[in-house]
Amino acid sequence: MSLVEILLVSAGGVIAVLIVVFGILRLLYKVAEPNEALIISGLGVRVDRAETADSLGFKIITGRGVNVIPGFQTARRLSLDTRGVNLQVSCVTKQGLPVTVRAVVIYKVGDDYASIANAARRFLDQQKGMNDTIHELFSGHLRSIVGGLTLEDMIHNRDALTGEVRQSSANEMIKLGLIVDSLQIQEIDDETGYILNLGKPHAAAVAASARIAEAQRDQEAAEAEQIAAAKKAAAVRESQIHQAGYQAEVDEARAKASQAGPLAEASARQEVVVQETRAAELEAALAEQRLQSQVRKPADAKAYDTRTAADAARDASIAKAQAEARETELRAAADATRVKTAAEAEAQATKARAEAMAGATRATGEAEAAAAKARGLADAEAAKARGLAEAEAARAKGLAEADAIKARAAALAENQEAVVAQQLAERWPEIVEAGASAFGNVDHMVVLNGADGMSDMFAKALSLGGTGLGLARQLMDAMGKPAEPEAARKNGELKLSD
């Protein structure tokens, strides 16, 4: 076997030995985890009195490793983890009220060597029973402290309650090597309803405040919604107004664009109409001047001549009508006189005839009466009576006819105006024709002042008849005055004759 081979075999053997040694050391070496402590006890364990004076022959290893000789030494692990215990303790308060307190205790083994040593001595083989120990410990202290407090203190000062519990249990926890990380009172149950009754006034006040606040918030929300709706409506209105304005501008521009051609044509046509209107006005002015110089002035001159001739003819017609009226009035007066004379003569004749007939009748009666004397006095008396009666009847008839004629004559004398008016009415067409004959020779008449001038012209023509009537009335008045004494005289004679 060569040297190289020997060296290789030697090296392999050394490596194998080293591996075996490393494996043995690995089995003997124990390392403490960060959340645990190694408790080493057995042969050859050296206790460091500086670490703990109360270790009592075991060694505490934390955060590092140590070799443990199997069969001679023992390594056990003590957990440093946090633990929690739920408490539900029935207590009686200072007021004698039964309550149930629910709490939670968070604890762990202390990090110092004394706490680890104390915990190792008490819980190294009974680590699972630590929660029961803590439960009993804190239940006792909690009952003791709650017994000296009122329910109101427990409710309002929970921190003070937890502080007193932790303070009263501190010595026991140190002896057990444990520390309390947290103690919380979770709930206090009251079987009698005391807590509920305590909270009702405040709950009612809070509920009322809540309802008031809710109503206020609802009102504010409603107002905000109304304001928002109003702003929204205003914004919509403004938007619609702007849109309508823009649309109107667009429509106006579109209309102007579409009407540009017709507007230009209309403008040109309007200019033409304006020029034509001006030309027509000039032509009308020229025609007016021509009419003024050629027609109106000659017409005015001719109208003046015609009016002058018409006035002369009218005056002549008026004079003629007045003469005819005078003649008619005189003729009517003569007719009235003649009628009156004839009536008086007829009245005298009638009276004479009546008297004659009366005399004849009387004579006849007397003759018959005389002749009847022979036939008898009765017949004579009867005949005489009959004759007298007939005479009286004839005489009455004659007197009646005379009175009638006299009445007609008096009526004729007194109503001469009616007679003249009748005569004028019968001759009225001739009078108006004579008055209008003045216009018969007029070829072209120009009436000035419009309807007023026409009315004046016809009034003058129609006044001819009224003028004649007035003249006739004056003549009748003049003739009636001398006739009155004569009529009175004749009436007296008639009365005397009667």
Protein backbone atom coordinates (compact mmCIF):
# COMPACT_ATOMS: atom_id res chain seq x y z
CA MET A 1 0.00 0.00 0.00
CA SER A 2 1.50 3.27 -0.98
CA LEU A 3 1.88 6.32 1.16
CA VAL A 4 -0.80 8.14 -0.66
CA GLU A 5 -3.26 5.45 -0.05
CA ILE A 6 -2.30 5.34 3.62
CA LEU A 7 -2.78 9.07 3.86
CA LEU A 8 -6.18 8.86 2.18
CA VAL A 9 -7.29 6.09 4.51
CA SER A 10 -6.07 8.05 7.47
CA ALA A 11 -7.85 11.16 6.33
CA GLY A 12 -11.07 9.23 5.79
CA GLY A 13 -10.82 7.73 9.23
CA VAL A 14 -10.26 11.15 10.80
CA ILE A 15 -13.26 12.55 8.97
CA ALA A 16 -15.39 9.66 10.10
CA VAL A 17 -14.27 10.18 13.67
CA LEU A 18 -15.01 13.84 13.45
CA ILE A 19 -18.44 13.10 12.10
CA VAL A 20 -19.16 10.69 14.90
CA VAL A 21 -17.91 13.17 17.46
CA PHE A 22 -20.05 15.92 15.95
CA GLY A 23 -23.07 13.65 16.04
CA ILE A 24 -22.44 12.80 19.70
CA LEU A 25 -21.97 16.47 20.59
CA ARG A 26 -25.11 17.32 18.69
CA LEU A 27 -27.03 14.84 20.74
CA LEU A 28 -25.59 16.16 23.98
CA TYR A 29 -25.98 19.87 23.26
CA LYS A 30 -29.34 21.47 24.26
CA VAL A 31 -30.39 24.97 23.15
CA ALA A 32 -33.01 27.09 24.93
CA GLU A 33 -35.53 28.74 22.57
CA PRO A 34 -36.40 32.43 23.02
CA ASN A 35 -39.75 31.59 24.65
CA GLU A 36 -38.48 28.97 27.07
CA ALA A 37 -35.96 28.33 29.79
CA LEU A 38 -33.88 25.13 30.24
CA ILE A 39 -33.80 23.77 33.76
CA ILE A 40 -30.63 21.59 34.08
CA SER A 41 -30.29 19.37 37.09
CA GLY A 42 -28.01 16.39 37.92
CA LEU A 43 -24.33 15.47 38.37
CA GLY A 44 -21.77 18.14 37.92
CA VAL A 45 -24.30 21.02 37.59
CA ARG A 46 -22.65 24.17 38.80
CA VAL A 47 -24.98 26.79 40.16
CA ASP A 48 -24.07 30.37 39.54
CA ARG A 49 -25.04 32.09 42.75
CA ALA A 50 -24.91 35.44 40.99
CA GLU A 51 -27.82 34.41 38.82
CA THR A 52 -30.04 33.24 41.65
CA ALA A 53 -29.44 32.63 45.27
CA ASP A 54 -32.43 30.43 45.56
CA SER A 55 -31.76 28.01 42.69
CA LEU A 56 -31.44 25.02 45.03
CA GLY A 57 -29.16 22.89 42.89
CA PHE A 58 -30.45 23.39 39.30
CA LYS A 59 -29.27 25.57 36.54
CA ILE A 60 -31.41 27.93 34.40
CA ILE A 61 -30.40 28.42 30.78
CA THR A 62 -32.18 31.07 28.61
CA GLY A 63 -31.24 32.17 25.13
CA ARG A 64 -28.22 29.87 24.74
CA GLY A 65 -27.14 26.21 24.63
CA VAL A 66 -25.54 23.77 27.07
CA ASN A 67 -24.16 20.21 26.98
CA VAL A 68 -26.20 17.74 28.93
CA ILE A 69 -24.65 14.42 29.84
CA PRO A 70 -27.23 11.73 29.29
CA GLY A 71 -27.80 9.55 32.33
CA PHE A 72 -26.11 12.04 34.64
CA GLN A 73 -27.98 15.25 33.90
CA THR A 74 -31.58 16.14 32.99
CA ALA A 75 -32.74 19.07 30.88
CA ARG A 76 -36.36 20.15 31.11
CA ARG A 77 -38.05 23.10 29.43
CA LEU A 78 -40.18 25.76 31.16
CA SER A 79 -42.39 27.76 28.76
CA LEU A 80 -42.16 31.52 28.98
CA ASP A 81 -45.19 32.04 26.72
CA THR A 82 -48.06 34.34 27.65
CA ARG A 83 -51.08 32.60 29.08
CA GLY A 84 -54.69 33.78 29.54
CA VAL A 85 -57.36 32.88 32.07
CA ASN A 86 -61.06 33.80 31.80
CA LEU A 87 -62.65 34.65 35.11
CA GLN A 88 -66.35 34.44 35.93
CA VAL A 89 -66.72 35.23 39.59
CA SER A 90 -69.95 35.59 41.57
CA CYS A 91 -69.57 38.42 44.07
CA VAL A 92 -71.62 40.49 46.48
CA THR A 93 -71.15 44.25 46.50
CA LYS A 94 -71.01 46.56 49.48
CA GLN A 95 -74.71 47.21 48.87
CA GLY A 96 -75.48 43.52 49.16
CA LEU A 97 -76.28 43.17 45.48
CA PRO A 98 -75.22 39.88 43.87
CA VAL A 99 -73.21 40.44 40.69
CA THR A 100 -71.22 38.29 38.34
CA VAL A 101 -67.89 39.71 37.22
CA ARG A 102 -66.36 38.50 34.00
CA ALA A 103 -62.68 39.29 33.52
CA VAL A 104 -59.59 38.08 31.73
CA VAL A 105 -56.04 37.77 33.15
CA ILE A 106 -53.05 37.71 30.82
CA TYR A 107 -49.91 36.47 32.65
CA LYS A 108 -46.57 34.75 32.06
CA VAL A 109 -43.45 33.49 33.90
CA GLY A 110 -41.19 36.37 34.81
CA ASP A 111 -38.05 36.91 32.72
CA ASP A 112 -35.68 37.20 35.68
CA TYR A 113 -33.93 34.10 37.13
CA ALA A 114 -35.76 34.37 40.46
CA SER A 115 -39.17 34.29 38.81
CA ILE A 116 -38.05 31.40 36.56
CA ALA A 117 -36.70 29.51 39.57
CA ASN A 118 -39.92 30.10 41.59
CA ALA A 119 -42.08 29.05 38.65
CA ALA A 120 -39.84 26.00 37.98
CA ARG A 121 -40.13 24.81 41.53
CA ARG A 122 -43.94 25.15 41.45
CA PHE A 123 -45.04 24.46 37.90
CA LEU A 124 -42.22 22.62 36.07
CA ASP A 125 -44.11 19.34 36.02
CA GLN A 126 -47.59 21.00 36.31
CA GLN A 127 -47.46 23.72 33.71
CA LYS A 128 -50.99 22.90 32.55
CA GLY A 129 -52.35 23.57 36.03
CA MET A 130 -51.08 27.15 36.10
CA ASN A 131 -54.41 28.50 34.77
CA ASP A 132 -56.37 26.88 37.58
CA THR A 133 -54.04 28.35 40.16
CA ILE A 134 -54.34 31.82 38.66
CA HIS A 135 -58.13 31.50 38.43
CA GLU A 136 -58.46 30.67 42.07
CA LEU A 137 -55.99 33.35 43.10
CA PHE A 138 -57.70 36.21 41.22
CA SER A 139 -61.24 35.00 42.05
CA GLY A 140 -60.46 35.32 45.75
CA HIS A 141 -58.94 38.76 45.44
CA LEU A 142 -61.78 39.93 43.17
CA ARG A 143 -64.45 38.80 45.63
CA SER A 144 -62.64 40.55 48.43
CA ILE A 145 -62.29 43.85 46.58
CA VAL A 146 -65.84 43.84 45.12
CA GLY A 147 -67.23 43.33 48.62
CA GLY A 148 -65.87 46.73 49.60
CA LEU A 149 -67.20 48.62 46.57
CA THR A 150 -70.59 49.79 45.43
CA LEU A 151 -72.01 48.82 42.08
CA GLU A 152 -71.70 52.39 40.87
CA ASP A 153 -67.97 52.41 41.78
CA MET A 154 -67.44 49.18 39.92
CA ILE A 155 -69.19 50.54 36.85
CA HIS A 156 -67.62 53.99 36.78
CA ASN A 157 -64.12 53.08 38.09
CA ARG A 158 -63.15 49.82 36.46
CA ASP A 159 -59.54 50.90 36.20
CA ALA A 160 -59.43 51.40 39.96
CA LEU A 161 -60.96 47.96 40.45
CA THR A 162 -58.37 46.27 38.24
CA GLY A 163 -55.59 48.21 39.92
CA GLU A 164 -56.62 47.10 43.38
CA VAL A 165 -56.89 43.48 42.20
CA ARG A 166 -53.41 43.57 40.68
CA GLN A 167 -51.97 45.27 43.75
CA SER A 168 -53.52 42.81 46.19
CA SER A 169 -52.31 39.81 44.18
CA ALA A 170 -48.81 41.11 43.50
CA ASN A 171 -47.07 39.32 46.40
CA GLU A 172 -48.60 35.95 45.53
CA MET A 173 -47.65 36.37 41.89
CA ILE A 174 -44.04 37.12 42.82
CA LYS A 175 -43.85 34.01 44.93
CA LEU A 176 -45.26 32.00 42.05
CA GLY A 177 -42.70 33.55 39.69
CA LEU A 178 -45.48 35.01 37.51
CA ILE A 179 -46.25 38.52 36.29
CA VAL A 180 -49.56 39.97 35.08
CA ASP A 181 -49.39 41.50 31.63
CA SER A 182 -53.05 42.56 31.60
CA LEU A 183 -56.15 42.37 33.74
CA GLN A 184 -59.44 43.51 32.18
CA ILE A 185 -62.93 43.58 33.69
CA GLN A 186 -65.02 42.59 30.71
CA GLU A 187 -68.53 42.58 32.12
CA ILE A 188 -70.50 43.03 35.29
CA ASP A 189 -73.80 41.15 35.32
CA ASP A 190 -76.59 42.21 37.68
CA GLU A 191 -79.23 39.61 38.32
CA THR A 192 -81.57 42.09 40.09
CA GLY A 193 -81.68 44.59 37.22
CA TYR A 194 -80.00 47.32 39.24
CA ILE A 195 -77.58 48.23 36.50
CA LEU A 196 -80.39 48.31 33.96
CA ASN A 197 -82.40 50.65 36.14
CA LEU A 198 -79.37 52.86 36.66
CA GLY A 199 -78.96 53.20 32.96
CA LYS A 200 -82.59 53.85 32.06
CA PRO A 201 -82.66 57.61 32.83
CA HIS A 202 -79.49 58.15 30.95
CA ALA A 203 -80.67 55.80 28.23
CA ALA A 204 -83.94 57.72 27.98
CA ALA A 205 -82.06 61.02 27.86
CA VAL A 206 -79.69 59.62 25.30
CA ALA A 207 -82.61 58.21 23.30
CA ALA A 208 -84.39 61.56 23.44
CA SER A 209 -81.20 63.32 22.42
CA ALA A 210 -80.76 60.77 19.71
CA ARG A 211 -84.32 61.32 18.42
CA ILE A 212 -83.87 65.08 18.60
CA ALA A 213 -80.55 64.84 16.86
CA GLU A 214 -82.05 62.48 14.29
CA ALA A 215 -85.00 64.83 13.73
CA GLN A 216 -82.60 67.76 13.41
CA ARG A 217 -80.44 65.81 11.04
CA ASP A 218 -83.56 64.80 9.06
CA GLN A 219 -84.68 68.43 8.98
CA GLU A 220 -81.24 69.60 7.95
CA ALA A 221 -81.10 66.83 5.37
CA ALA A 222 -84.55 67.80 4.06
CA GLU A 223 -83.55 71.47 3.93
CA ALA A 224 -80.31 70.54 2.25
CA GLU A 225 -82.23 68.38 -0.23
CA GLN A 226 -84.69 71.23 -0.90
CA ILE A 227 -81.83 73.69 -1.33
CA ALA A 228 -80.04 71.23 -3.55
CA ALA A 229 -83.23 70.63 -5.54
CA ALA A 230 -83.78 74.40 -5.85
CA LYS A 231 -80.17 74.90 -6.95
CA LYS A 232 -80.56 72.03 -9.35
CA ALA A 233 -83.78 73.50 -10.75
CA ALA A 234 -82.11 76.93 -10.98
CA ALA A 235 -79.14 75.36 -12.74
CA VAL A 236 -81.46 73.51 -15.10
CA ARG A 237 -83.40 76.72 -15.73
CA GLU A 238 -80.21 78.69 -16.38
CA SER A 239 -78.99 75.93 -18.62
CA GLN A 240 -82.28 75.85 -20.53
CA ILE A 241 -82.26 79.66 -20.78
CA HIS A 242 -78.71 79.62 -22.13
CA GLN A 243 -79.58 76.76 -24.46
CA ALA A 244 -82.69 78.60 -25.64
CA GLY A 245 -80.60 81.76 -26.15
CA TYR A 246 -77.97 79.85 -28.07
CA GLN A 247 -80.67 78.08 -30.08
CA ALA A 248 -82.34 81.43 -30.78
CA GLU A 249 -79.02 82.84 -31.98
CA VAL A 250 -78.48 79.77 -34.13
CA ASP A 251 -82.02 80.00 -35.53
CA GLU A 252 -81.59 83.73 -36.10
CA ALA A 253 -78.30 83.18 -37.89
CA ARG A 254 -79.84 80.36 -39.91
CA ALA A 255 -82.88 82.52 -40.72
CA LYS A 256 -80.64 85.43 -41.71
CA ALA A 257 -78.57 83.13 -43.85
CA SER A 258 -81.67 81.66 -45.48
CA GLN A 259 -83.21 85.11 -45.94
CA ALA A 260 -80.09 86.84 -47.18
CA GLY A 261 -81.13 86.41 -50.81
CA PRO A 262 -84.79 87.40 -50.36
CA LEU A 263 -83.75 90.31 -48.12
CA ALA A 264 -81.36 91.61 -50.75
CA GLU A 265 -84.04 91.24 -53.39
CA ALA A 266 -86.61 92.90 -51.12
CA SER A 267 -84.19 95.73 -50.35
CA ALA A 268 -83.60 96.29 -54.06
CA ARG A 269 -87.33 96.13 -54.72
CA GLN A 270 -87.95 98.52 -51.82
CA GLU A 271 -85.44 100.98 -53.29
CA VAL A 272 -87.23 100.73 -56.62
CA VAL A 273 -90.59 101.32 -54.90
CA VAL A 274 -89.13 104.33 -53.06
CA GLN A 275 -87.87 105.83 -56.31
CA GLU A 276 -91.17 105.10 -58.05
CA THR A 277 -93.02 106.65 -55.10
CA ARG A 278 -90.91 109.79 -55.35
CA ALA A 279 -91.54 109.95 -59.10
CA ALA A 280 -95.27 109.45 -58.51
CA GLU A 281 -95.25 112.22 -55.90
CA LEU A 282 -93.53 114.57 -58.32
CA GLU A 283 -96.03 113.67 -61.05
CA ALA A 284 -98.90 114.17 -58.59
CA ALA A 285 -97.52 117.57 -57.60
CA LEU A 286 -97.21 118.50 -61.27
CA ALA A 287 -100.76 117.28 -61.96
CA GLU A 288 -101.96 119.26 -58.96
CA GLN A 289 -100.36 122.40 -60.29
CA ARG A 290 -101.84 121.78 -63.73
CA LEU A 291 -105.25 121.15 -62.18
CA GLN A 292 -104.90 124.34 -60.14
CA SER A 293 -103.97 126.46 -63.12
CA GLN A 294 -106.06 124.80 -65.84
CA VAL A 295 -109.18 123.56 -64.06
CA ARG A 296 -109.73 124.98 -60.58
CA LYS A 297 -109.10 128.66 -61.30
CA PRO A 298 -111.23 128.68 -64.48
CA ALA A 299 -113.85 126.62 -62.64
CA ASP A 300 -113.80 129.08 -59.76
CA ALA A 301 -114.28 131.98 -62.18
CA LYS A 302 -117.05 130.19 -64.01
CA ALA A 303 -118.62 129.21 -60.66
CA TYR A 304 -118.53 132.86 -59.63
CA ASP A 305 -120.29 133.87 -62.83
CA THR A 306 -122.77 131.06 -62.46
CA ARG A 307 -123.36 131.90 -58.82
CA THR A 308 -123.91 135.57 -59.68
CA ALA A 309 -126.35 134.64 -62.47
CA ALA A 310 -128.08 132.15 -60.16
CA ASP A 311 -128.40 134.78 -57.46
CA ALA A 312 -129.96 137.21 -59.98
CA ALA A 313 -132.31 134.53 -61.28
CA ARG A 314 -133.14 133.51 -57.74
CA ASP A 315 -133.92 137.11 -56.76
CA ALA A 316 -136.12 137.45 -59.82
CA SER A 317 -137.87 134.19 -59.01
CA ILE A 318 -138.33 135.32 -55.44
CA ALA A 319 -139.82 138.63 -56.58
CA LYS A 320 -142.08 136.78 -59.01
CA ALA A 321 -143.10 134.31 -56.31
CA GLN A 322 -143.76 137.14 -53.90
CA ALA A 323 -145.89 138.87 -56.54
CA GLU A 324 -147.77 135.70 -57.20
CA ALA A 325 -148.20 135.18 -53.49
CA ARG A 326 -149.48 138.73 -53.16
CA GLU A 327 -151.83 138.14 -56.03
CA THR A 328 -152.99 134.88 -54.46
CA GLU A 329 -153.43 136.58 -51.14
CA LEU A 330 -155.51 139.37 -52.72
CA ARG A 331 -157.53 136.85 -54.70
CA ALA A 332 -158.13 134.88 -51.52
CA ALA A 333 -159.24 138.06 -49.75
CA ALA A 334 -161.61 138.90 -52.62
CA ASP A 335 -162.94 135.35 -52.58
CA ALA A 336 -163.45 135.59 -48.87
CA THR A 337 -165.31 138.88 -49.24
CA ARG A 338 -167.41 137.51 -52.04
CA VAL A 339 -168.22 134.39 -50.09
CA LYS A 340 -169.12 136.48 -47.08
CA THR A 341 -171.36 138.77 -49.16
CA ALA A 342 -173.02 135.84 -50.86
CA ALA A 343 -173.57 134.21 -47.50
CA GLU A 344 -175.15 137.34 -46.09
CA ALA A 345 -177.33 137.75 -49.16
CA GLU A 346 -178.36 134.14 -49.00
CA ALA A 347 -179.11 134.56 -45.32
CA GLN A 348 -181.32 137.62 -46.06
CA ALA A 349 -183.04 135.78 -48.86
CA THR A 350 -183.59 132.74 -46.74
CA LYS A 351 -184.97 134.94 -44.01
CA ALA A 352 -187.27 136.69 -46.43
CA ARG A 353 -188.43 133.39 -47.88
CA ALA A 354 -189.05 132.12 -44.43
CA GLU A 355 -191.05 135.18 -43.49
CA ALA A 356 -192.97 134.98 -46.76
CA MET A 357 -193.69 131.33 -46.29
CA ALA A 358 -194.74 132.06 -42.76
CA GLY A 359 -197.10 134.80 -43.91
CA ALA A 360 -198.49 132.62 -46.65
CA THR A 361 -198.95 129.78 -44.32
CA ARG A 362 -200.56 132.06 -41.79
CA ALA A 363 -202.91 133.46 -44.46
CA THR A 364 -203.71 130.02 -45.69
CA GLY A 365 -204.42 128.92 -42.19
CA GLU A 366 -206.61 131.92 -41.58
CA ALA A 367 -208.44 131.31 -44.89
CA GLU A 368 -208.91 127.69 -44.11
CA ALA A 369 -209.99 128.61 -40.62
CA ALA A 370 -212.50 131.04 -42.01
CA ALA A 371 -213.69 128.50 -44.50
CA ALA A 372 -213.89 125.91 -41.83
CA LYS A 373 -216.21 127.96 -39.71
CA ALA A 374 -218.92 126.57 -41.73
CA ARG A 375 -217.84 123.02 -41.18
CA GLY A 376 -217.44 123.38 -37.57
CA LEU A 377 -215.55 124.98 -34.82
CA ALA A 378 -213.51 121.81 -34.20
CA ASP A 379 -212.26 121.63 -37.74
CA ALA A 380 -211.48 125.31 -37.70
CA GLU A 381 -209.51 125.04 -34.57
CA ALA A 382 -207.61 122.03 -35.91
CA ALA A 383 -206.79 123.69 -39.16
CA LYS A 384 -205.72 126.84 -37.38
CA ALA A 385 -203.47 124.84 -35.12
CA ARG A 386 -202.02 122.92 -38.06
CA GLY A 387 -201.35 126.14 -39.92
CA LEU A 388 -199.69 127.70 -36.97
CA ALA A 389 -197.56 124.64 -36.47
CA GLU A 390 -196.49 124.53 -40.09
CA ALA A 391 -195.74 128.24 -39.97
CA GLU A 392 -193.61 127.85 -36.91
CA ALA A 393 -191.79 124.89 -38.51
CA ALA A 394 -191.11 126.84 -41.69
CA ARG A 395 -190.01 129.83 -39.72
CA ALA A 396 -187.67 127.62 -37.57
CA LYS A 397 -186.27 125.99 -40.68
CA GLY A 398 -185.53 129.34 -42.26
CA LEU A 399 -183.97 130.68 -39.12
CA ALA A 400 -181.78 127.54 -38.87
CA GLU A 401 -180.63 127.87 -42.46
CA ALA A 402 -179.91 131.56 -41.90
CA ASP A 403 -177.91 130.78 -38.80
CA ALA A 404 -175.95 128.14 -40.66
CA ILE A 405 -175.14 130.50 -43.53
CA LYS A 406 -174.20 133.19 -41.03
CA ALA A 407 -171.98 130.71 -39.17
CA ARG A 408 -170.26 129.71 -42.42
CA ALA A 409 -169.73 133.36 -43.27
CA ALA A 410 -168.33 134.05 -39.79
CA ALA A 411 -166.08 131.01 -39.99
CA LEU A 412 -164.90 132.14 -43.41
CA ALA A 413 -164.23 135.62 -42.10
CA GLU A 414 -162.42 134.33 -39.05
CA ASN A 415 -160.42 131.55 -40.81
CA GLN A 416 -159.10 133.50 -43.77
CA GLU A 417 -155.60 132.18 -42.99
CA ALA A 418 -156.79 128.59 -43.46
CA VAL A 419 -158.35 129.58 -46.77
CA VAL A 420 -155.14 131.26 -47.89
CA ALA A 421 -153.11 128.29 -46.72
CA GLN A 422 -155.37 125.99 -48.67
CA GLN A 423 -154.97 128.14 -51.74
CA LEU A 424 -151.19 128.21 -51.27
CA ALA A 425 -151.06 124.46 -50.73
CA GLU A 426 -152.93 123.98 -53.97
CA ARG A 427 -150.45 126.29 -55.74
CA TRP A 428 -147.35 125.08 -53.86
CA PRO A 429 -145.84 122.99 -56.71
CA GLU A 430 -146.15 126.00 -59.05
CA ILE A 431 -144.48 128.26 -56.46
CA VAL A 432 -141.54 125.87 -55.86
CA GLU A 433 -141.18 125.31 -59.61
CA ALA A 434 -141.03 129.05 -60.15
CA GLY A 435 -138.38 129.38 -57.40
CA ALA A 436 -136.30 126.50 -58.83
CA SER A 437 -136.57 127.77 -62.38
CA ALA A 438 -133.64 130.05 -61.59
CA PHE A 439 -131.36 127.02 -61.63
CA GLY A 440 -132.69 125.69 -64.92
CA ASN A 441 -130.30 127.74 -67.02
CA VAL A 442 -127.18 126.65 -65.07
CA ASP A 443 -124.98 124.26 -67.11
CA HIS A 444 -122.17 123.72 -64.58
CA MET A 445 -122.64 124.47 -60.88
CA VAL A 446 -119.86 124.53 -58.28
CA VAL A 447 -121.21 124.38 -54.74
CA LEU A 448 -118.92 125.92 -52.13
CA ASN A 449 -118.80 124.88 -48.45
CA GLY A 450 -119.86 121.32 -49.29
CA ALA A 451 -123.12 120.15 -47.67
CA ASP A 452 -123.64 123.52 -45.93
CA GLY A 453 -123.66 125.34 -49.26
CA MET A 454 -126.11 122.82 -50.73
CA SER A 455 -128.43 123.20 -47.71
CA ASP A 456 -128.39 127.01 -48.01
CA MET A 457 -129.28 126.85 -51.70
CA PHE A 458 -132.29 124.54 -51.20
CA ALA A 459 -133.45 126.50 -48.15
CA LYS A 460 -133.63 129.69 -50.21
CA ALA A 461 -135.67 127.93 -52.89
CA LEU A 462 -138.08 126.43 -50.37
CA SER A 463 -138.50 129.69 -48.46
CA LEU A 464 -140.49 131.16 -51.34
CA GLY A 465 -143.62 129.31 -50.25
CA GLY A 466 -143.21 130.50 -46.66
CA THR A 467 -142.79 134.08 -47.85
CA GLY A 468 -146.05 133.88 -49.80
CA LEU A 469 -147.83 132.48 -46.78
CA GLY A 470 -146.62 135.33 -44.59
CA LEU A 471 -147.78 137.97 -47.08
CA ALA A 472 -151.20 136.36 -47.33
CA ARG A 473 -151.52 136.33 -43.54
CA GLN A 474 -150.69 140.05 -43.35
CA LEU A 475 -153.33 140.88 -45.97
CA MET A 476 -155.94 138.86 -44.11
CA ASP A 477 -155.17 140.72 -40.89
CA ALA A 478 -155.53 144.05 -42.68
CA MET A 479 -158.86 143.05 -44.21
CA GLY A 480 -160.28 141.51 -41.05
CA LYS A 481 -160.16 144.76 -39.01
CA PRO A 482 -162.79 146.83 -41.04
CA ALA A 483 -164.92 143.76 -41.53
CA GLU A 484 -165.50 143.24 -37.81
CA PRO A 485 -167.82 146.33 -37.29
CA GLU A 486 -169.77 145.47 -40.38
CA ALA A 487 -170.26 141.90 -39.21
CA ALA A 488 -171.36 143.15 -35.79
CA ARG A 489 -173.78 145.54 -37.38
CA LYS A 490 -175.33 142.90 -39.56
CA ASN A 491 -175.58 140.52 -36.68
CA GLY A 492 -177.47 143.21 -34.78
CA GLU A 493 -179.87 143.72 -37.64
CA LEU A 494 -180.52 139.99 -37.81
CA LYS A 495 -181.23 139.92 -34.14
CA LEU A 496 -183.62 142.93 -34.46
CA SER A 497 -185.43 141.32 -37.32
CA ASP A 498 -185.85 138.19 -35.33
